[in-house]
Amino acid sequence: MLTLYSDCSRSGQNDGVTVVSGWLSSGELWLGFESDWAAVLQRFDVPYFHMKEYAHSTGAFETGWKGENDKRRRFIEALLAVIDQYALASFASMIEGNAFDEVNLEFQVREYFGTEFAICARLCIAETNRWMREHGYEPPAEYVFEDGDPRGRLTWLLESIRYPPPIYKPSRDRAAKDGTLIRGLLPLQAADFAAYELRKNWDDVGDITDPSELERYRKSFLGIGRVSKGEGFWGNCTADDLRQMCKDLRVERR
């Protein structure tokens, strides 16, 4: 079975963007990924990777990282190399808050989907299944999301079409309420990397269509694009896209 590991990143503003992004691979390849990803973390003496902490030199990256540009470059390139070796495809979907709110005035979007996350996650899953069919795999895959994501009605959306429900797991080890250890899933750290970079670049730069302006993108974002190798799907769900989705799914009008 193939597994899609995904995470969500959101802008702080009410009219900002919500991004869900993830990586697809097989169980065997994910085992190799986990071993090599853990080895990179150990080599750079950090317990886990969290893009927001890394970007701001906080948490696990508070000591010995700020201003260390060569070290930071080598670390990111090492992580990208692991993704490049083991991921089969990448998937990402985003929606701007104003597009969600606009269509929500016409259709019962909030009632049907629950959250922007659920819309983006459903789109990523649909594109994952399309990619699987085109490459000789039989969907569905296993869909794993970081357990801090705003779930909305994603479970209902998948079960209504007889797909397995989403699985929610942490990206790093943590203790349960009873004190037992809940193991973090390292592929979710790679999903966090991709989701953060897509959201950050959309906030800072937007959609660039002129190739001469690509240098405005962050190097780490370009690295994500490089290791994706054009396999999978990245897309922006516009207001018109969401309207059509509502019509296709027979979402009730206001």
Protein backbone atom coordinates (compact mmCIF):
# COMPACT_ATOMS: atom_id res chain seq x y z
CA MET A 1 0.00 0.00 0.00
CA LEU A 2 1.08 3.55 -0.70
CA THR A 3 0.84 6.17 2.04
CA LEU A 4 0.36 9.91 1.66
CA TYR A 5 1.80 11.90 4.59
CA SER A 6 0.45 15.46 4.68
CA ASP A 7 0.56 18.58 6.84
CA CYS A 8 -1.16 21.96 6.85
CA SER A 9 0.21 25.50 7.01
CA ARG A 10 -1.90 28.64 7.35
CA SER A 11 -1.33 32.38 7.15
CA GLY A 12 -2.03 34.33 10.30
CA GLN A 13 -4.42 36.74 8.59
CA ASN A 14 -8.15 35.97 8.27
CA ASP A 15 -7.92 36.40 4.51
CA GLY A 16 -4.68 34.46 4.25
CA VAL A 17 -4.06 31.12 2.60
CA THR A 18 -4.40 27.54 3.82
CA VAL A 19 -2.02 24.97 2.32
CA VAL A 20 -2.07 21.20 2.62
CA SER A 21 0.96 19.45 1.19
CA GLY A 22 2.37 15.97 1.38
CA TRP A 23 4.50 13.20 -0.08
CA LEU A 24 3.44 9.82 -1.42
CA SER A 25 5.50 6.65 -1.28
CA SER A 26 5.37 2.94 -0.50
CA GLY A 27 5.74 1.29 2.89
CA GLU A 28 9.14 -0.11 1.98
CA LEU A 29 10.42 3.24 0.75
CA TRP A 30 9.08 5.04 3.82
CA LEU A 31 11.11 2.70 6.02
CA GLY A 32 14.27 3.74 4.18
CA PHE A 33 13.20 7.37 4.42
CA GLU A 34 12.79 7.18 8.19
CA SER A 35 16.24 5.66 8.65
CA ASP A 36 17.99 8.26 6.50
CA TRP A 37 15.96 11.21 7.84
CA ALA A 38 16.79 10.20 11.42
CA ALA A 39 20.46 9.92 10.46
CA VAL A 40 20.44 13.52 9.16
CA LEU A 41 18.84 14.75 12.38
CA GLN A 42 21.45 12.89 14.41
CA ARG A 43 24.31 14.24 12.30
CA PHE A 44 23.15 17.82 12.94
CA ASP A 45 22.30 17.08 16.59
CA VAL A 46 18.61 18.01 16.51
CA PRO A 47 15.81 15.80 17.88
CA TYR A 48 13.30 16.61 15.15
CA PHE A 49 12.62 18.95 12.24
CA HIS A 50 9.94 21.62 12.45
CA MET A 51 10.10 24.24 9.74
CA LYS A 52 8.78 27.16 11.79
CA GLU A 53 11.32 26.54 14.54
CA TYR A 54 14.09 26.14 11.98
CA ALA A 55 13.13 29.34 10.13
CA HIS A 56 13.14 31.42 13.32
CA SER A 57 15.98 29.61 15.15
CA THR A 58 13.74 28.65 18.06
CA GLY A 59 12.95 25.40 19.87
CA ALA A 60 15.25 22.63 18.69
CA PHE A 61 17.17 25.20 16.60
CA GLU A 62 17.65 27.87 19.25
CA THR A 63 21.32 27.15 19.92
CA GLY A 64 23.96 27.15 17.22
CA TRP A 65 21.73 27.86 14.23
CA LYS A 66 21.00 31.57 13.94
CA GLY A 67 23.24 33.18 11.34
CA GLU A 68 25.00 29.89 10.56
CA ASN A 69 24.19 30.07 6.87
CA ASP A 70 26.54 27.31 5.67
CA LYS A 71 25.32 24.89 8.32
CA ARG A 72 21.71 25.73 7.55
CA ARG A 73 22.26 25.21 3.82
CA ARG A 74 23.93 21.83 4.35
CA PHE A 75 21.13 20.72 6.66
CA ILE A 76 18.33 21.62 4.24
CA GLU A 77 20.17 20.04 1.31
CA ALA A 78 20.61 16.84 3.32
CA LEU A 79 16.89 16.70 4.11
CA LEU A 80 15.99 17.41 0.48
CA ALA A 81 18.28 14.59 -0.64
CA VAL A 82 16.36 12.14 1.58
CA ILE A 83 13.03 13.26 0.15
CA ASP A 84 14.44 13.06 -3.37
CA GLN A 85 15.54 9.46 -2.85
CA TYR A 86 12.36 8.06 -1.34
CA ALA A 87 9.26 10.09 -2.33
CA LEU A 88 7.37 8.98 -5.43
CA ALA A 89 5.29 12.15 -5.84
CA SER A 90 4.21 15.32 -4.07
CA PHE A 91 0.75 16.84 -3.71
CA ALA A 92 -0.31 20.29 -2.58
CA SER A 93 -3.51 22.29 -2.60
CA MET A 94 -4.19 25.78 -1.30
CA ILE A 95 -7.16 28.07 -0.90
CA GLU A 96 -7.28 31.73 0.03
CA GLY A 97 -9.58 32.76 2.85
CA ASN A 98 -11.41 35.33 0.75
CA ALA A 99 -12.21 32.69 -1.90
CA PHE A 100 -13.63 30.40 0.80
CA ASP A 101 -15.71 33.23 2.29
CA GLU A 102 -16.97 34.37 -1.12
CA VAL A 103 -18.33 30.98 -2.10
CA ASN A 104 -19.62 30.37 1.42
CA LEU A 105 -22.08 33.22 0.81
CA GLU A 106 -23.54 31.24 -2.10
CA PHE A 107 -23.23 27.62 -0.94
CA GLN A 108 -23.18 25.94 2.47
CA VAL A 109 -19.41 25.51 2.25
CA ARG A 110 -18.72 25.77 5.98
CA GLU A 111 -21.46 23.30 6.83
CA TYR A 112 -20.38 20.79 4.17
CA PHE A 113 -16.58 20.88 4.46
CA GLY A 114 -16.09 22.37 7.91
CA THR A 115 -12.72 23.99 7.26
CA GLU A 116 -10.40 25.16 4.51
CA PHE A 117 -8.12 22.31 5.56
CA ALA A 118 -10.77 19.71 4.68
CA ILE A 119 -11.18 21.20 1.19
CA CYS A 120 -7.43 21.19 0.50
CA ALA A 121 -6.94 17.74 1.98
CA ARG A 122 -9.78 16.32 -0.13
CA LEU A 123 -8.26 17.84 -3.27
CA CYS A 124 -4.83 16.37 -2.45
CA ILE A 125 -6.40 12.96 -1.92
CA ALA A 126 -8.31 13.16 -5.20
CA GLU A 127 -5.14 14.07 -7.09
CA THR A 128 -3.23 11.31 -5.29
CA ASN A 129 -5.78 8.77 -6.44
CA ARG A 130 -5.61 10.12 -10.00
CA TRP A 131 -1.81 9.81 -9.97
CA MET A 132 -2.02 6.26 -8.63
CA ARG A 133 -4.35 5.13 -11.41
CA GLU A 134 -2.15 6.74 -14.05
CA HIS A 135 0.90 4.92 -12.65
CA GLY A 136 -0.60 1.47 -12.24
CA TYR A 137 -1.56 1.58 -8.56
CA GLU A 138 -5.02 0.82 -7.22
CA PRO A 139 -6.40 3.51 -4.92
CA PRO A 140 -7.13 4.28 -2.20
CA ALA A 141 -3.86 4.95 -0.43
CA GLU A 142 -3.44 5.39 3.30
CA TYR A 143 -3.89 9.08 4.22
CA VAL A 144 -1.96 10.30 7.26
CA PHE A 145 -2.15 13.88 8.56
CA GLU A 146 -0.40 15.72 11.38
CA ASP A 147 -2.69 15.48 14.37
CA GLY A 148 -2.69 19.21 15.04
CA ASP A 149 -4.48 19.98 11.77
CA PRO A 150 -8.05 21.42 11.88
CA ARG A 151 -9.95 18.34 10.80
CA GLY A 152 -13.27 19.79 9.69
CA ARG A 153 -15.43 17.10 8.07
CA LEU A 154 -12.62 15.28 6.27
CA THR A 155 -13.45 11.93 7.87
CA TRP A 156 -17.06 12.19 6.72
CA LEU A 157 -16.02 13.36 3.25
CA LEU A 158 -13.87 10.26 2.76
CA GLU A 159 -16.21 7.75 4.36
CA SER A 160 -19.11 9.06 2.25
CA ILE A 161 -17.27 7.77 -0.85
CA ARG A 162 -16.21 4.54 0.89
CA TYR A 163 -12.59 5.58 1.32
CA PRO A 164 -10.63 4.78 4.46
CA PRO A 165 -10.81 7.55 7.07
CA PRO A 166 -7.81 9.84 7.53
CA ILE A 167 -5.27 8.91 10.17
CA TYR A 168 -3.99 11.63 12.50
CA LYS A 169 -0.57 11.20 14.07
CA PRO A 170 2.09 13.50 15.57
CA SER A 171 5.22 14.38 13.63
CA ARG A 172 7.45 13.91 16.66
CA ASP A 173 7.39 11.84 19.84
CA ARG A 174 5.12 13.05 22.62
CA ALA A 175 3.61 11.70 25.80
CA ALA A 176 -0.06 10.73 25.96
CA LYS A 177 -2.24 11.80 28.88
CA ASP A 178 -1.58 8.46 30.57
CA GLY A 179 2.17 8.91 30.19
CA THR A 180 2.69 6.41 27.39
CA LEU A 181 4.85 7.40 24.45
CA ILE A 182 3.20 8.25 21.15
CA ARG A 183 5.76 7.80 18.41
CA GLY A 184 6.14 10.63 15.93
CA LEU A 185 6.10 9.78 12.23
CA LEU A 186 9.11 11.28 10.48
CA PRO A 187 7.48 11.56 7.01
CA LEU A 188 5.16 14.15 8.55
CA GLN A 189 8.22 16.33 9.17
CA ALA A 190 8.90 16.31 5.44
CA ALA A 191 5.24 17.23 4.85
CA ASP A 192 5.61 20.15 7.28
CA PHE A 193 8.66 21.29 5.29
CA ALA A 194 6.70 21.37 2.02
CA ALA A 195 3.53 22.94 3.45
CA TYR A 196 5.44 25.72 5.20
CA GLU A 197 7.48 26.57 2.12
CA LEU A 198 4.47 26.73 -0.19
CA ARG A 199 2.50 28.89 2.24
CA LYS A 200 5.47 31.18 2.99
CA ASN A 201 6.25 31.77 -0.67
CA TRP A 202 2.61 32.44 -1.50
CA ASP A 203 2.45 35.01 1.30
CA ASP A 204 5.73 36.68 0.30
CA VAL A 205 5.74 36.46 -3.49
CA GLY A 206 2.46 35.02 -4.79
CA ASP A 207 2.22 33.21 -8.10
CA ILE A 208 5.11 34.00 -10.44
CA THR A 209 4.50 33.37 -14.14
CA ASP A 210 7.56 35.17 -15.53
CA PRO A 211 10.55 32.75 -15.47
CA SER A 212 12.93 35.68 -15.08
CA GLU A 213 11.44 36.39 -11.63
CA LEU A 214 11.83 32.85 -10.23
CA GLU A 215 14.92 33.99 -8.33
CA ARG A 216 12.54 35.79 -5.96
CA TYR A 217 11.50 32.41 -4.56
CA ARG A 218 13.26 31.06 -1.49
CA LYS A 219 16.01 28.54 -2.23
CA SER A 220 14.38 26.01 0.07
CA PHE A 221 11.11 26.34 -1.87
CA LEU A 222 12.93 25.82 -5.16
CA GLY A 223 14.55 22.78 -3.57
CA ILE A 224 11.11 21.32 -2.78
CA GLY A 225 10.15 21.83 -6.41
CA ARG A 226 13.36 20.21 -7.59
CA VAL A 227 12.95 16.99 -5.60
CA SER A 228 9.26 16.76 -6.60
CA LYS A 229 10.49 16.11 -10.14
CA GLY A 230 7.14 17.11 -11.63
CA GLU A 231 5.41 14.02 -10.19
CA GLY A 232 2.11 14.73 -8.48
CA PHE A 233 0.02 17.89 -8.31
CA TRP A 234 0.30 21.42 -6.93
CA GLY A 235 -2.74 23.65 -7.34
CA ASN A 236 -4.62 26.69 -6.08
CA CYS A 237 -8.34 26.22 -5.44
CA THR A 238 -9.87 29.47 -6.70
CA ALA A 239 -13.38 30.70 -5.95
CA ASP A 240 -14.53 29.36 -9.33
CA ASP A 241 -12.92 25.98 -8.59
CA LEU A 242 -14.74 25.82 -5.27
CA ARG A 243 -18.06 26.79 -6.89
CA GLN A 244 -17.68 23.96 -9.38
CA MET A 245 -16.77 21.54 -6.59
CA CYS A 246 -19.92 22.55 -4.73
CA LYS A 247 -22.02 21.94 -7.85
CA ASP A 248 -20.40 18.55 -8.47
CA LEU A 249 -20.94 17.48 -4.85
CA ARG A 250 -24.45 18.97 -4.74
CA VAL A 251 -23.67 21.22 -1.83
CA GLU A 252 -26.82 23.11 -0.87
CA ARG A 253 -27.14 26.77 -1.77
CA ARG A 254 -27.80 29.50 0.76
